[in-house]
Amino acid sequence: MSVEGWALLLVVAFLIGYIMGHRLGVIEGYRHGAVFSPIELRRRTLERGRCVICGAPVRGVTQSEAVGDTGCRNAD
């Protein structure tokens, strides 16, 4: 096999690896975001004192507490 053949094979192998890795990375990133987003919404709600989805005020929770009823119909 000539040098050009090896170079072409190397470029094709690199592109296939890149495409597969990119696809798997996008899938894994989507899964990570789906797991992380409820936690992040809860954190923002507790920090601001209002639900970030519907704007309902937080009931019965001080800012230092990390548990309690937010009063939001959409949080659960």
PDB file of N, CA and C in Angstrom:
ATOM      1  N   MET A   1       0.852  -1.170   0.000  1.00  0.00           N
ATOM      2  CA  MET A   1       0.000   0.000   0.000  1.00  0.00           C
ATOM      3  C   MET A   1       0.898   1.232   0.000  1.00  0.00           C
ATOM      4  N   SER A   2       0.523   2.216  -0.777  1.00  0.00           N
ATOM      5  CA  SER A   2       1.340   3.420  -0.913  1.00  0.00           C
ATOM      6  C   SER A   2       1.100   4.377   0.259  1.00  0.00           C
ATOM      7  N   VAL A   3       1.892   5.403   0.321  1.00  0.00           N
ATOM      8  CA  VAL A   3       1.779   6.409   1.368  1.00  0.00           C
ATOM      9  C   VAL A   3       0.434   7.111   1.294  1.00  0.00           C
ATOM     10  N   GLU A   4      -0.040   7.383   0.084  1.00  0.00           N
ATOM     11  CA  GLU A   4      -1.332   8.036  -0.079  1.00  0.00           C
ATOM     12  C   GLU A   4      -2.469   7.167   0.445  1.00  0.00           C
ATOM     13  N   GLY A   5      -2.368   5.870   0.220  1.00  0.00           N
ATOM     14  CA  GLY A   5      -3.378   4.927   0.713  1.00  0.00           C
ATOM     15  C   GLY A   5      -3.434   4.914   2.236  1.00  0.00           C
ATOM     16  N   TRP A   6      -2.260   4.884   2.867  1.00  0.00           N
ATOM     17  CA  TRP A   6      -2.201   4.916   4.331  1.00  0.00           C
ATOM     18  C   TRP A   6      -2.740   6.240   4.878  1.00  0.00           C
ATOM     19  N   ALA A   7      -2.410   7.334   4.229  1.00  0.00           N
ATOM     20  CA  ALA A   7      -2.890   8.642   4.665  1.00  0.00           C
ATOM     21  C   ALA A   7      -4.412   8.715   4.553  1.00  0.00           C
ATOM     22  N   LEU A   8      -4.950   8.218   3.446  1.00  0.00           N
ATOM     23  CA  LEU A   8      -6.396   8.204   3.257  1.00  0.00           C
ATOM     24  C   LEU A   8      -7.073   7.331   4.315  1.00  0.00           C
ATOM     25  N   LEU A   9      -6.506   6.167   4.591  1.00  0.00           N
ATOM     26  CA  LEU A   9      -7.041   5.268   5.601  1.00  0.00           C
ATOM     27  C   LEU A   9      -7.019   5.925   6.977  1.00  0.00           C
ATOM     28  N   LEU A  10      -5.951   6.626   7.288  1.00  0.00           N
ATOM     29  CA  LEU A  10      -5.831   7.326   8.558  1.00  0.00           C
ATOM     30  C   LEU A  10      -6.865   8.434   8.685  1.00  0.00           C
ATOM     31  N   VAL A  11      -7.071   9.212   7.637  1.00  0.00           N
ATOM     32  CA  VAL A  11      -8.052  10.297   7.658  1.00  0.00           C
ATOM     33  C   VAL A  11      -9.467   9.745   7.802  1.00  0.00           C
ATOM     34  N   VAL A  12      -9.780   8.680   7.084  1.00  0.00           N
ATOM     35  CA  VAL A  12     -11.112   8.073   7.168  1.00  0.00           C
ATOM     36  C   VAL A  12     -11.350   7.508   8.568  1.00  0.00           C
ATOM     37  N   ALA A  13     -10.348   6.831   9.134  1.00  0.00           N
ATOM     38  CA  ALA A  13     -10.482   6.288  10.484  1.00  0.00           C
ATOM     39  C   ALA A  13     -10.684   7.415  11.499  1.00  0.00           C
ATOM     40  N   PHE A  14      -9.955   8.512  11.347  1.00  0.00           N
ATOM     41  CA  PHE A  14     -10.101   9.655  12.246  1.00  0.00           C
ATOM     42  C   PHE A  14     -11.509  10.238  12.143  1.00  0.00           C
ATOM     43  N   LEU A  15     -12.011  10.411  10.933  1.00  0.00           N
ATOM     44  CA  LEU A  15     -13.346  10.979  10.745  1.00  0.00           C
ATOM     45  C   LEU A  15     -14.436  10.077  11.324  1.00  0.00           C
ATOM     46  N   ILE A  16     -14.321   8.778  11.134  1.00  0.00           N
ATOM     47  CA  ILE A  16     -15.300   7.846  11.691  1.00  0.00           C
ATOM     48  C   ILE A  16     -15.275   7.917  13.216  1.00  0.00           C
ATOM     49  N   GLY A  17     -14.086   7.943  13.803  1.00  0.00           N
ATOM     50  CA  GLY A  17     -13.964   8.061  15.251  1.00  0.00           C
ATOM     51  C   GLY A  17     -14.526   9.367  15.769  1.00  0.00           C
ATOM     52  N   TYR A  18     -14.260  10.447  15.048  1.00  0.00           N
ATOM     53  CA  TYR A  18     -14.779  11.754  15.455  1.00  0.00           C
ATOM     54  C   TYR A  18     -16.304  11.770  15.421  1.00  0.00           C
ATOM     55  N   ILE A  19     -16.888  11.260  14.354  1.00  0.00           N
ATOM     56  CA  ILE A  19     -18.343  11.259  14.210  1.00  0.00           C
ATOM     57  C   ILE A  19     -18.997  10.411  15.297  1.00  0.00           C
ATOM     58  N   MET A  20     -18.447   9.238  15.554  1.00  0.00           N
ATOM     59  CA  MET A  20     -19.007   8.374  16.602  1.00  0.00           C
ATOM     60  C   MET A  20     -18.864   9.013  17.980  1.00  0.00           C
ATOM     61  N   GLY A  21     -17.711   9.596  18.265  1.00  0.00           N
ATOM     62  CA  GLY A  21     -17.496  10.245  19.554  1.00  0.00           C
ATOM     63  C   GLY A  21     -18.388  11.448  19.750  1.00  0.00           C
ATOM     64  N   HIS A  22     -18.580  12.221  18.705  1.00  0.00           N
ATOM     65  CA  HIS A  22     -19.454  13.400  18.783  1.00  0.00           C
ATOM     66  C   HIS A  22     -20.886  12.975  19.070  1.00  0.00           C
ATOM     67  N   ARG A  23     -21.341  11.952  18.381  1.00  0.00           N
ATOM     68  CA  ARG A  23     -22.707  11.462  18.577  1.00  0.00           C
ATOM     69  C   ARG A  23     -22.907  10.953  19.998  1.00  0.00           C
ATOM     70  N   LEU A  24     -21.974  10.163  20.499  1.00  0.00           N
ATOM     71  CA  LEU A  24     -22.085   9.652  21.864  1.00  0.00           C
ATOM     72  C   LEU A  24     -21.992  10.784  22.885  1.00  0.00           C
ATOM     73  N   GLY A  25     -21.187  11.788  22.612  1.00  0.00           N
ATOM     74  CA  GLY A  25     -21.074  12.932  23.512  1.00  0.00           C
ATOM     75  C   GLY A  25     -22.356  13.728  23.598  1.00  0.00           C
ATOM     76  N   VAL A  26     -23.027  13.897  22.483  1.00  0.00           N
ATOM     77  CA  VAL A  26     -24.299  14.618  22.470  1.00  0.00           C
ATOM     78  C   VAL A  26     -25.346  13.841  23.268  1.00  0.00           C
ATOM     79  N   ILE A  27     -25.399  12.545  23.082  1.00  0.00           N
ATOM     80  CA  ILE A  27     -26.360  11.711  23.806  1.00  0.00           C
ATOM     81  C   ILE A  27     -26.077  11.765  25.306  1.00  0.00           C
ATOM     82  N   GLU A  28     -24.826  11.624  25.687  1.00  0.00           N
ATOM     83  CA  GLU A  28     -24.467  11.663  27.107  1.00  0.00           C
ATOM     84  C   GLU A  28     -24.735  13.044  27.703  1.00  0.00           C
ATOM     85  N   GLY A  29     -24.466  14.100  26.968  1.00  0.00           N
ATOM     86  CA  GLY A  29     -24.746  15.448  27.443  1.00  0.00           C
ATOM     87  C   GLY A  29     -26.227  15.689  27.659  1.00  0.00           C
ATOM     88  N   TYR A  30     -27.055  15.173  26.781  1.00  0.00           N
ATOM     89  CA  TYR A  30     -28.494  15.304  26.934  1.00  0.00           C
ATOM     90  C   TYR A  30     -28.962  14.597  28.201  1.00  0.00           C
ATOM     91  N   ARG A  31     -28.451  13.378  28.423  1.00  0.00           N
ATOM     92  CA  ARG A  31     -28.817  12.628  29.633  1.00  0.00           C
ATOM     93  C   ARG A  31     -28.362  13.356  30.891  1.00  0.00           C
ATOM     94  N   HIS A  32     -27.165  13.893  30.868  1.00  0.00           N
ATOM     95  CA  HIS A  32     -26.644  14.625  32.025  1.00  0.00           C
ATOM     96  C   HIS A  32     -27.510  15.851  32.308  1.00  0.00           C
ATOM     97  N   GLY A  33     -27.907  16.568  31.276  1.00  0.00           N
ATOM     98  CA  GLY A  33     -28.767  17.731  31.449  1.00  0.00           C
ATOM     99  C   GLY A  33     -30.133  17.370  31.985  1.00  0.00           C
ATOM    100  N   ALA A  34     -30.695  16.262  31.546  1.00  0.00           N
ATOM    101  CA  ALA A  34     -32.006  15.830  32.021  1.00  0.00           C
ATOM    102  C   ALA A  34     -31.967  15.456  33.501  1.00  0.00           C
ATOM    103  N   VAL A  35     -30.844  14.926  33.954  1.00  0.00           N
ATOM    104  CA  VAL A  35     -30.694  14.569  35.366  1.00  0.00           C
ATOM    105  C   VAL A  35     -30.418  15.811  36.210  1.00  0.00           C
ATOM    106  N   PHE A  36     -29.628  16.736  35.700  1.00  0.00           N
ATOM    107  CA  PHE A  36     -29.175  17.887  36.465  1.00  0.00           C
ATOM    108  C   PHE A  36     -30.199  19.014  36.536  1.00  0.00           C
ATOM    109  N   SER A  37     -31.049  19.173  35.535  1.00  0.00           N
ATOM    110  CA  SER A  37     -31.942  20.335  35.471  1.00  0.00           C
ATOM    111  C   SER A  37     -32.937  20.427  36.633  1.00  0.00           C
ATOM    112  N   PRO A  38     -33.569  19.353  37.102  1.00  0.00           N
ATOM    113  CA  PRO A  38     -34.476  19.516  38.251  1.00  0.00           C
ATOM    114  C   PRO A  38     -33.743  19.996  39.508  1.00  0.00           C
ATOM    115  N   ILE A  39     -32.532  19.534  39.704  1.00  0.00           N
ATOM    116  CA  ILE A  39     -31.748  19.960  40.860  1.00  0.00           C
ATOM    117  C   ILE A  39     -31.417  21.443  40.744  1.00  0.00           C
ATOM    118  N   GLU A  40     -31.040  21.881  39.562  1.00  0.00           N
ATOM    119  CA  GLU A  40     -30.697  23.285  39.348  1.00  0.00           C
ATOM    120  C   GLU A  40     -31.924  24.184  39.506  1.00  0.00           C
ATOM    121  N   LEU A  41     -33.071  23.760  39.004  1.00  0.00           N
ATOM    122  CA  LEU A  41     -34.299  24.537  39.178  1.00  0.00           C
ATOM    123  C   LEU A  41     -34.656  24.666  40.654  1.00  0.00           C
ATOM    124  N   ARG A  42     -34.504  23.592  41.386  1.00  0.00           N
ATOM    125  CA  ARG A  42     -34.792  23.617  42.826  1.00  0.00           C
ATOM    126  C   ARG A  42     -33.846  24.589  43.542  1.00  0.00           C
ATOM    127  N   ARG A  43     -32.560  24.563  43.203  1.00  0.00           N
ATOM    128  CA  ARG A  43     -31.582  25.452  43.823  1.00  0.00           C
ATOM    129  C   ARG A  43     -31.929  26.914  43.550  1.00  0.00           C
ATOM    130  N   ARG A  44     -32.234  27.226  42.312  1.00  0.00           N
ATOM    131  CA  ARG A  44     -32.582  28.611  41.955  1.00  0.00           C
ATOM    132  C   ARG A  44     -33.852  29.071  42.663  1.00  0.00           C
ATOM    133  N   THR A  45     -34.829  28.173  42.762  1.00  0.00           N
ATOM    134  CA  THR A  45     -36.077  28.505  43.453  1.00  0.00           C
ATOM    135  C   THR A  45     -35.803  28.836  44.907  1.00  0.00           C
ATOM    136  N   LEU A  46     -35.007  28.034  45.578  1.00  0.00           N
ATOM    137  CA  LEU A  46     -34.712  28.275  46.989  1.00  0.00           C
ATOM    138  C   LEU A  46     -33.875  29.536  47.181  1.00  0.00           C
ATOM    139  N   GLU A  47     -32.966  29.831  46.266  1.00  0.00           N
ATOM    140  CA  GLU A  47     -32.141  31.031  46.389  1.00  0.00           C
ATOM    141  C   GLU A  47     -32.953  32.307  46.191  1.00  0.00           C
ATOM    142  N   ARG A  48     -33.853  32.309  45.236  1.00  0.00           N
ATOM    143  CA  ARG A  48     -34.612  33.520  44.893  1.00  0.00           C
ATOM    144  C   ARG A  48     -35.869  33.699  45.735  1.00  0.00           C
ATOM    145  N   GLY A  49     -36.341  32.615  46.336  1.00  0.00           N
ATOM    146  CA  GLY A  49     -37.562  32.714  47.135  1.00  0.00           C
ATOM    147  C   GLY A  49     -38.824  32.650  46.307  1.00  0.00           C
ATOM    148  N   ARG A  50     -38.687  32.455  45.016  1.00  0.00           N
ATOM    149  CA  ARG A  50     -39.822  32.326  44.099  1.00  0.00           C
ATOM    150  C   ARG A  50     -39.527  31.212  43.108  1.00  0.00           C
ATOM    151  N   CYS A  51     -40.588  30.531  42.684  1.00  0.00           N
ATOM    152  CA  CYS A  51     -40.442  29.471  41.694  1.00  0.00           C
ATOM    153  C   CYS A  51     -40.007  30.091  40.365  1.00  0.00           C
ATOM    154  N   VAL A  52     -38.991  29.501  39.743  1.00  0.00           N
ATOM    155  CA  VAL A  52     -38.510  30.029  38.471  1.00  0.00           C
ATOM    156  C   VAL A  52     -39.432  29.651  37.312  1.00  0.00           C
ATOM    157  N   ILE A  53     -40.352  28.718  37.539  1.00  0.00           N
ATOM    158  CA  ILE A  53     -41.276  28.290  36.488  1.00  0.00           C
ATOM    159  C   ILE A  53     -42.562  29.117  36.516  1.00  0.00           C
ATOM    160  N   CYS A  54     -43.222  29.156  37.684  1.00  0.00           N
ATOM    161  CA  CYS A  54     -44.526  29.819  37.750  1.00  0.00           C
ATOM    162  C   CYS A  54     -44.515  31.112  38.558  1.00  0.00           C
ATOM    163  N   GLY A  55     -43.440  31.409  39.302  1.00  0.00           N
ATOM    164  CA  GLY A  55     -43.343  32.648  40.056  1.00  0.00           C
ATOM    165  C   GLY A  55     -43.995  32.605  41.424  1.00  0.00           C
ATOM    166  N   ALA A  56     -44.496  31.437  41.852  1.00  0.00           N
ATOM    167  CA  ALA A  56     -45.127  31.322  43.170  1.00  0.00           C
ATOM    168  C   ALA A  56     -44.069  31.514  44.253  1.00  0.00           C
ATOM    169  N   PRO A  57     -44.426  32.218  45.322  1.00  0.00           N
ATOM    170  CA  PRO A  57     -43.457  32.412  46.408  1.00  0.00           C
ATOM    171  C   PRO A  57     -43.205  31.107  47.160  1.00  0.00           C
ATOM    172  N   VAL A  58     -42.009  30.986  47.713  1.00  0.00           N
ATOM    173  CA  VAL A  58     -41.646  29.809  48.498  1.00  0.00           C
ATOM    174  C   VAL A  58     -42.351  29.923  49.843  1.00  0.00           C
ATOM    175  N   ARG A  59     -42.980  28.815  50.284  1.00  0.00           N
ATOM    176  CA  ARG A  59     -43.694  28.809  51.562  1.00  0.00           C
ATOM    177  C   ARG A  59     -42.957  27.960  52.575  1.00  0.00           C
ATOM    178  N   GLY A  60     -42.748  28.483  53.765  1.00  0.00           N
ATOM    179  CA  GLY A  60     -42.215  27.705  54.874  1.00  0.00           C
ATOM    180  C   GLY A  60     -40.766  27.299  54.749  1.00  0.00           C
ATOM    181  N   VAL A  61     -39.986  27.989  53.946  1.00  0.00           N
ATOM    182  CA  VAL A  61     -38.583  27.618  53.762  1.00  0.00           C
ATOM    183  C   VAL A  61     -37.726  28.868  53.930  1.00  0.00           C
ATOM    184  N   THR A  62     -36.744  28.774  54.810  1.00  0.00           N
ATOM    185  CA  THR A  62     -35.789  29.869  54.913  1.00  0.00           C
ATOM    186  C   THR A  62     -34.706  29.660  53.872  1.00  0.00           C
ATOM    187  N   GLN A  63     -33.924  30.684  53.590  1.00  0.00           N
ATOM    188  CA  GLN A  63     -32.907  30.561  52.553  1.00  0.00           C
ATOM    189  C   GLN A  63     -31.802  29.587  52.926  1.00  0.00           C
ATOM    190  N   SER A  64     -31.579  29.356  54.213  1.00  0.00           N
ATOM    191  CA  SER A  64     -30.516  28.439  54.609  1.00  0.00           C
ATOM    192  C   SER A  64     -30.949  26.983  54.530  1.00  0.00           C
ATOM    193  N   GLU A  65     -32.265  26.739  54.428  1.00  0.00           N
ATOM    194  CA  GLU A  65     -32.750  25.365  54.335  1.00  0.00           C
ATOM    195  C   GLU A  65     -32.756  24.894  52.886  1.00  0.00           C
ATOM    196  N   ALA A  66     -32.509  23.624  52.715  1.00  0.00           N
ATOM    197  CA  ALA A  66     -32.493  23.076  51.365  1.00  0.00           C
ATOM    198  C   ALA A  66     -33.651  22.128  51.124  1.00  0.00           C
ATOM    199  N   VAL A  67     -34.583  22.004  52.086  1.00  0.00           N
ATOM    200  CA  VAL A  67     -35.737  21.127  51.923  1.00  0.00           C
ATOM    201  C   VAL A  67     -36.993  21.892  52.279  1.00  0.00           C
ATOM    202  N   GLY A  68     -38.116  21.414  51.821  1.00  0.00           N
ATOM    203  CA  GLY A  68     -39.381  22.039  52.170  1.00  0.00           C
ATOM    204  C   GLY A  68     -40.278  22.192  50.961  1.00  0.00           C
ATOM    205  N   ASP A  69     -41.489  22.647  51.204  1.00  0.00           N
ATOM    206  CA  ASP A  69     -42.467  22.846  50.147  1.00  0.00           C
ATOM    207  C   ASP A  69     -42.226  24.191  49.478  1.00  0.00           C
ATOM    208  N   THR A  70     -42.043  24.192  48.162  1.00  0.00           N
ATOM    209  CA  THR A  70     -41.831  25.451  47.457  1.00  0.00           C
ATOM    210  C   THR A  70     -43.129  26.145  47.129  1.00  0.00           C
ATOM    211  N   GLY A  71     -44.243  25.428  47.214  1.00  0.00           N
ATOM    212  CA  GLY A  71     -45.518  26.032  46.872  1.00  0.00           C
ATOM    213  C   GLY A  71     -45.777  26.056  45.372  1.00  0.00           C
ATOM    214  N   CYS A  72     -44.897  25.478  44.592  1.00  0.00           N
ATOM    215  CA  CYS A  72     -45.023  25.485  43.141  1.00  0.00           C
ATOM    216  C   CYS A  72     -45.731  24.231  42.669  1.00  0.00           C
ATOM    217  N   ARG A  73     -46.699  24.415  41.803  1.00  0.00           N
ATOM    218  CA  ARG A  73     -47.402  23.266  41.248  1.00  0.00           C
ATOM    219  C   ARG A  73     -46.534  22.514  40.244  1.00  0.00           C
ATOM    220  N   ASN A  74     -45.536  23.174  39.651  1.00  0.00           N
ATOM    221  CA  ASN A  74     -44.720  22.580  38.587  1.00  0.00           C
ATOM    222  C   ASN A  74     -43.416  21.970  39.084  1.00  0.00           C
ATOM    223  N   ALA A  75     -43.048  22.160  40.345  1.00  0.00           N
ATOM    224  CA  ALA A  75     -41.733  21.744  40.822  1.00  0.00           C
ATOM    225  C   ALA A  75     -41.606  20.229  40.934  1.00  0.00           C
ATOM    226  N   ASP A  76     -42.694  19.515  41.144  1.00  0.00           N
ATOM    227  CA  ASP A  76     -42.584  18.075  41.357  1.00  0.00           C
ATOM    228  C   ASP A  76     -42.772  17.284  40.115  1.00  0.00           C
TER     229      ASP A  76
END
